[in-house]
Amino acid sequence: MTRRAHPPGRLAAYRALLGAQARSQTAYRTSFVVDLVGNVGATLFDVVTVLVLFGVTRELGGFTLREAMVMVGLSAFAFATADLLVGNIERLPRYVRTGLLDAVLVRPLGALPQLLLMDLPLRKVSRAALGLSVLAVAVASAGVDWTPGRVALLLLAPVAGVVFFGSIFVATATVSFYWTESGELANSLTYGGRDFTSYPVTVYGGWFRALFAYGTGFAFVSYQPALALLGRADPLGLPAWAGWASPAVALVAAAGAAVAWRVGVRHYRSTGS
């Protein structure tokens, strides 16, 4: 019977996986630097899109440019960091089809950490850094009336956004345990969620807003925390405490993703390859 590694041994194995990835990806330094610079494009495009919209209007969904940029910063940092840390789980359908997941499951290590560290895209660090910079500039220029509570929220809300988006990445990836061609479905929630949270939810309407903003919780990534930071009442009528609920929503999302992952792994049947 194979003995399971003790926790210190597992941590050493995870560090070895991460170190191997770092060495392989930075072996060609010029190429790596080019990748770092090139990867800021997606986040930069989101910011420029909002700036272009405000070039033809003074308000968007009832919010000024400075207020909307707080939401853009929260969304950009949360998605870019989650994509860096967890985004490569979207390759799970390929791992299932090729049988690579079988090799992962027989090792005495957690399957999910292995999959995340096997191809950690370090080049995406630049996206997260740009997202953090956008958030810092937006908050500094928004005229926030700082209190201890808002300082705490500024620290917690971006982390909660990362956890929320990471949970969406994991939960949607588990669909591939049942349907290996589920990539577009996953993208509609991950990358679609990034686009959705880049704007005030007041620009959306009807069932679409109800479903994505509050049914799936995307409003708590950027819109609700931004309202609390700015000290604004919600135009949609939600109570003020909703702006402080992002950490709780993120924990619920993480718990749901953990359950979905465990059920999916138990449902998985080896390819036999």
Protein backbone atom coordinates (compact mmCIF):
# COMPACT_ATOMS: atom_id res chain seq x y z
CA MET A 1 0.00 0.00 0.00
CA THR A 2 1.35 3.40 -0.93
CA ARG A 3 1.91 5.63 2.05
CA ARG A 4 0.51 9.12 1.82
CA ALA A 5 3.03 11.92 2.15
CA HIS A 6 3.04 13.94 5.32
CA PRO A 7 1.99 17.61 4.99
CA PRO A 8 5.63 18.92 5.07
CA GLY A 9 6.45 16.50 2.26
CA ARG A 10 3.47 17.71 0.28
CA LEU A 11 4.48 21.32 0.67
CA ALA A 12 7.98 20.46 -0.54
CA ALA A 13 6.49 18.70 -3.57
CA TYR A 14 4.29 21.70 -4.38
CA ARG A 15 7.28 24.03 -4.04
CA ALA A 16 9.24 21.79 -6.39
CA LEU A 17 6.44 21.93 -8.98
CA LEU A 18 6.27 25.71 -8.70
CA GLY A 19 10.05 26.04 -8.89
CA ALA A 20 10.20 23.85 -11.99
CA GLN A 21 7.55 26.00 -13.66
CA ALA A 22 9.38 29.21 -12.76
CA ARG A 23 12.69 27.90 -14.11
CA SER A 24 11.19 26.60 -17.34
CA GLN A 25 9.23 29.76 -18.08
CA THR A 26 12.09 32.14 -17.31
CA ALA A 27 14.80 30.10 -19.03
CA TYR A 28 14.56 32.39 -22.07
CA ARG A 29 14.47 35.75 -20.36
CA THR A 30 13.86 37.92 -23.40
CA SER A 31 10.89 35.80 -24.45
CA PHE A 32 9.53 35.87 -20.91
CA VAL A 33 9.80 39.66 -20.70
CA VAL A 34 8.04 40.01 -24.07
CA ASP A 35 5.26 37.74 -22.76
CA LEU A 36 5.00 39.84 -19.60
CA VAL A 37 4.58 43.03 -21.60
CA GLY A 38 2.23 41.47 -24.10
CA ASN A 39 -0.05 40.10 -21.42
CA VAL A 40 -1.10 43.51 -20.13
CA GLY A 41 -3.14 43.94 -23.31
CA ALA A 42 -6.34 42.28 -22.08
CA THR A 43 -6.52 44.30 -18.86
CA LEU A 44 -5.48 47.51 -20.61
CA PHE A 45 -8.19 46.98 -23.21
CA ASP A 46 -10.87 46.76 -20.49
CA VAL A 47 -9.71 50.09 -19.05
CA VAL A 48 -9.50 51.80 -22.43
CA THR A 49 -13.00 50.59 -23.35
CA VAL A 50 -14.48 52.33 -20.31
CA LEU A 51 -12.50 55.50 -21.05
CA VAL A 52 -13.80 55.50 -24.63
CA LEU A 53 -17.39 55.19 -23.40
CA PHE A 54 -16.90 58.17 -21.12
CA GLY A 55 -15.56 60.08 -24.07
CA VAL A 56 -19.14 60.32 -25.37
CA THR A 57 -21.07 60.52 -22.09
CA ARG A 58 -20.58 62.14 -18.69
CA GLU A 59 -22.25 59.30 -16.77
CA LEU A 60 -22.61 55.57 -17.23
CA GLY A 61 -25.48 53.93 -15.39
CA GLY A 62 -25.63 56.94 -13.08
CA PHE A 63 -21.90 56.88 -12.22
CA THR A 64 -19.11 59.28 -13.11
CA LEU A 65 -15.82 58.23 -14.66
CA ARG A 66 -13.97 58.31 -11.33
CA GLU A 67 -16.62 56.19 -9.66
CA ALA A 68 -16.78 53.72 -12.52
CA MET A 69 -12.99 53.36 -12.54
CA VAL A 70 -13.11 52.05 -8.96
CA MET A 71 -15.29 49.21 -10.26
CA VAL A 72 -12.95 48.67 -13.21
CA GLY A 73 -9.97 48.46 -10.87
CA LEU A 74 -11.64 45.98 -8.53
CA SER A 75 -12.75 43.81 -11.46
CA ALA A 76 -9.45 43.97 -13.33
CA PHE A 77 -7.32 43.04 -10.33
CA ALA A 78 -9.66 40.28 -9.16
CA PHE A 79 -9.96 38.60 -12.54
CA ALA A 80 -6.31 38.96 -13.56
CA THR A 81 -5.07 37.54 -10.25
CA ALA A 82 -7.55 34.66 -10.30
CA ASP A 83 -6.60 33.94 -13.92
CA LEU A 84 -2.94 33.85 -12.88
CA LEU A 85 -3.48 31.54 -9.91
CA VAL A 86 -6.37 29.34 -11.04
CA GLY A 87 -7.12 30.11 -14.69
CA ASN A 88 -5.15 27.21 -16.15
CA ILE A 89 -7.75 24.83 -14.66
CA GLU A 90 -9.68 25.59 -17.85
CA ARG A 91 -7.33 23.06 -19.48
CA LEU A 92 -9.05 20.29 -17.54
CA PRO A 93 -11.08 19.09 -20.56
CA ARG A 94 -7.81 18.34 -22.38
CA TYR A 95 -6.40 16.57 -19.33
CA VAL A 96 -9.53 14.39 -19.17
CA ARG A 97 -9.46 13.56 -22.89
CA THR A 98 -5.75 12.69 -22.99
CA GLY A 99 -5.68 10.72 -19.74
CA LEU A 100 -3.21 13.09 -18.05
CA LEU A 101 -5.68 13.41 -15.19
CA ASP A 102 -5.20 9.70 -14.46
CA ALA A 103 -1.51 10.29 -13.74
CA VAL A 104 -2.38 13.22 -11.49
CA LEU A 105 -4.91 11.24 -9.46
CA VAL A 106 -2.56 8.34 -8.65
CA ARG A 107 0.00 10.62 -7.02
CA PRO A 108 -0.17 11.08 -3.22
CA LEU A 109 -0.87 14.80 -3.66
CA GLY A 110 -4.02 16.86 -4.04
CA ALA A 111 -5.28 16.75 -7.61
CA LEU A 112 -6.34 20.41 -7.80
CA PRO A 113 -3.05 21.91 -6.50
CA GLN A 114 -1.12 19.70 -8.93
CA LEU A 115 -3.19 20.84 -11.89
CA LEU A 116 -2.83 24.49 -10.91
CA LEU A 117 0.95 24.26 -10.49
CA MET A 118 1.62 22.11 -13.55
CA ASP A 119 1.35 25.07 -15.91
CA LEU A 120 1.16 28.21 -13.79
CA PRO A 121 1.26 31.11 -16.30
CA LEU A 122 3.76 33.41 -14.58
CA ARG A 123 3.66 35.73 -17.61
CA LYS A 124 0.23 36.85 -16.40
CA VAL A 125 1.77 38.52 -13.35
CA SER A 126 1.85 41.72 -15.40
CA ARG A 127 -1.95 41.67 -15.77
CA ALA A 128 -2.46 41.44 -12.03
CA ALA A 129 0.07 44.21 -11.43
CA LEU A 130 -1.68 46.47 -13.93
CA GLY A 131 -5.06 45.71 -12.36
CA LEU A 132 -3.69 46.63 -8.92
CA SER A 133 -2.25 49.86 -10.34
CA VAL A 134 -5.57 50.80 -11.91
CA LEU A 135 -7.35 50.14 -8.62
CA ALA A 136 -4.84 52.21 -6.64
CA VAL A 137 -5.09 55.19 -9.01
CA ALA A 138 -8.91 54.95 -9.17
CA VAL A 139 -9.33 54.85 -5.40
CA ALA A 140 -6.85 57.69 -4.90
CA SER A 141 -8.73 59.93 -7.36
CA ALA A 142 -12.29 59.03 -6.32
CA GLY A 143 -12.36 61.22 -3.22
CA VAL A 144 -13.13 58.39 -0.79
CA ASP A 145 -13.99 59.53 2.75
CA TRP A 146 -11.71 57.11 4.53
CA THR A 147 -12.75 55.33 7.72
CA PRO A 148 -11.20 52.25 9.37
CA GLY A 149 -14.03 50.17 7.92
CA ARG A 150 -13.42 51.37 4.37
CA VAL A 151 -9.69 50.76 4.69
CA ALA A 152 -10.48 47.18 5.75
CA LEU A 153 -12.91 46.82 2.86
CA LEU A 154 -10.31 48.08 0.40
CA LEU A 155 -8.00 45.31 1.59
CA LEU A 156 -10.63 42.56 1.74
CA ALA A 157 -12.77 43.26 -1.33
CA PRO A 158 -10.01 42.66 -3.94
CA VAL A 159 -9.04 39.40 -2.22
CA ALA A 160 -12.70 38.37 -2.08
CA GLY A 161 -12.95 39.11 -5.80
CA VAL A 162 -9.96 36.86 -6.50
CA VAL A 163 -11.53 34.05 -4.46
CA PHE A 164 -14.88 34.53 -6.22
CA PHE A 165 -13.41 34.43 -9.73
CA GLY A 166 -11.17 31.51 -8.76
CA SER A 167 -14.23 29.64 -7.55
CA ILE A 168 -15.98 30.31 -10.87
CA PHE A 169 -12.94 28.96 -12.75
CA VAL A 170 -12.93 25.76 -10.70
CA ALA A 171 -16.70 25.23 -10.64
CA THR A 172 -17.10 25.66 -14.40
CA ALA A 173 -14.10 23.43 -15.10
CA THR A 174 -15.74 20.55 -13.22
CA VAL A 175 -18.38 20.36 -15.96
CA SER A 176 -15.71 18.65 -18.08
CA PHE A 177 -15.93 15.59 -15.82
CA TYR A 178 -19.35 15.04 -17.38
CA TRP A 179 -19.00 16.84 -20.72
CA THR A 180 -15.52 17.32 -22.17
CA GLU A 181 -16.63 19.93 -24.71
CA SER A 182 -17.73 22.41 -22.08
CA GLY A 183 -15.10 25.09 -22.76
CA GLU A 184 -17.44 27.70 -24.20
CA LEU A 185 -19.86 27.28 -21.31
CA ALA A 186 -17.05 27.91 -18.84
CA ASN A 187 -15.79 30.94 -20.78
CA SER A 188 -19.23 32.51 -20.77
CA LEU A 189 -19.06 32.71 -16.97
CA THR A 190 -15.36 33.41 -16.44
CA TYR A 191 -14.49 35.87 -19.21
CA GLY A 192 -18.11 36.95 -19.48
CA GLY A 193 -18.05 37.66 -15.75
CA ARG A 194 -14.94 39.79 -16.19
CA ASP A 195 -16.72 41.91 -18.79
CA PHE A 196 -19.90 42.08 -16.71
CA THR A 197 -18.13 43.33 -13.59
CA SER A 198 -16.21 46.03 -15.47
CA TYR A 199 -19.33 48.22 -15.60
CA PRO A 200 -21.93 49.38 -13.08
CA VAL A 201 -24.69 46.76 -12.97
CA THR A 202 -27.19 49.59 -13.45
CA VAL A 203 -26.36 49.57 -17.17
CA TYR A 204 -27.96 46.13 -17.40
CA GLY A 205 -31.63 45.41 -16.95
CA GLY A 206 -34.34 42.85 -16.41
CA TRP A 207 -33.66 39.17 -15.94
CA PHE A 208 -30.08 39.50 -17.22
CA ARG A 209 -29.08 41.77 -14.33
CA ALA A 210 -31.01 39.72 -11.80
CA LEU A 211 -29.36 36.50 -12.96
CA PHE A 212 -25.73 37.58 -13.31
CA ALA A 213 -25.50 40.37 -10.76
CA TYR A 214 -27.27 38.67 -7.87
CA GLY A 215 -28.20 35.15 -8.97
CA THR A 216 -24.54 34.25 -9.51
CA GLY A 217 -23.08 36.96 -7.27
CA PHE A 218 -21.04 39.00 -9.75
CA ALA A 219 -22.38 42.27 -8.29
CA PHE A 220 -20.27 41.61 -5.19
CA VAL A 221 -16.98 41.59 -7.11
CA SER A 222 -16.87 45.30 -7.92
CA TYR A 223 -20.25 47.08 -7.93
CA GLN A 224 -21.33 46.59 -4.32
CA PRO A 225 -17.84 47.09 -2.77
CA ALA A 226 -17.41 50.25 -4.86
CA LEU A 227 -20.70 51.64 -3.52
CA ALA A 228 -19.51 51.06 0.05
CA LEU A 229 -16.11 52.64 -0.62
CA LEU A 230 -17.69 55.66 -2.31
CA GLY A 231 -20.38 56.02 0.35
CA ARG A 232 -23.14 55.90 -2.25
CA ALA A 233 -26.59 54.49 -1.80
CA ASP A 234 -27.45 51.69 -4.20
CA PRO A 235 -29.64 53.03 -7.05
CA LEU A 236 -31.24 49.57 -7.17
CA GLY A 237 -32.40 49.89 -3.56
CA LEU A 238 -30.29 47.26 -1.79
CA PRO A 239 -29.37 48.06 1.83
CA ALA A 240 -26.00 49.60 2.65
CA TRP A 241 -24.68 46.38 4.25
CA ALA A 242 -24.72 44.70 0.81
CA GLY A 243 -21.60 46.66 -0.05
CA TRP A 244 -19.72 44.89 2.73
CA ALA A 245 -20.90 41.38 1.85
CA SER A 246 -18.27 40.50 -0.76
CA PRO A 247 -16.08 38.38 1.61
CA ALA A 248 -19.12 36.32 2.67
CA VAL A 249 -20.23 35.86 -0.94
CA ALA A 250 -16.71 34.77 -1.88
CA LEU A 251 -16.66 32.17 0.90
CA VAL A 252 -19.99 30.77 -0.27
CA ALA A 253 -18.67 30.58 -3.84
CA ALA A 254 -15.50 28.83 -2.66
CA ALA A 255 -17.50 26.29 -0.68
CA GLY A 256 -19.70 25.59 -3.69
CA ALA A 257 -16.67 25.17 -5.95
CA ALA A 258 -15.05 22.78 -3.46
CA VAL A 259 -18.17 20.61 -3.38
CA ALA A 260 -18.46 20.65 -7.17
CA TRP A 261 -14.80 19.63 -7.51
CA ARG A 262 -15.05 16.73 -5.05
CA VAL A 263 -18.22 15.41 -6.64
CA GLY A 264 -16.68 15.73 -10.10
CA VAL A 265 -13.51 13.87 -9.15
CA ARG A 266 -15.58 11.05 -7.64
CA HIS A 267 -17.67 10.91 -10.80
CA TYR A 268 -14.60 10.75 -13.06
CA ARG A 269 -13.88 7.46 -14.76
CA SER A 270 -10.40 6.73 -16.08
CA THR A 271 -9.82 6.95 -19.83
CA GLY A 272 -7.81 3.74 -19.60
CA SER A 273 -4.92 5.33 -21.47
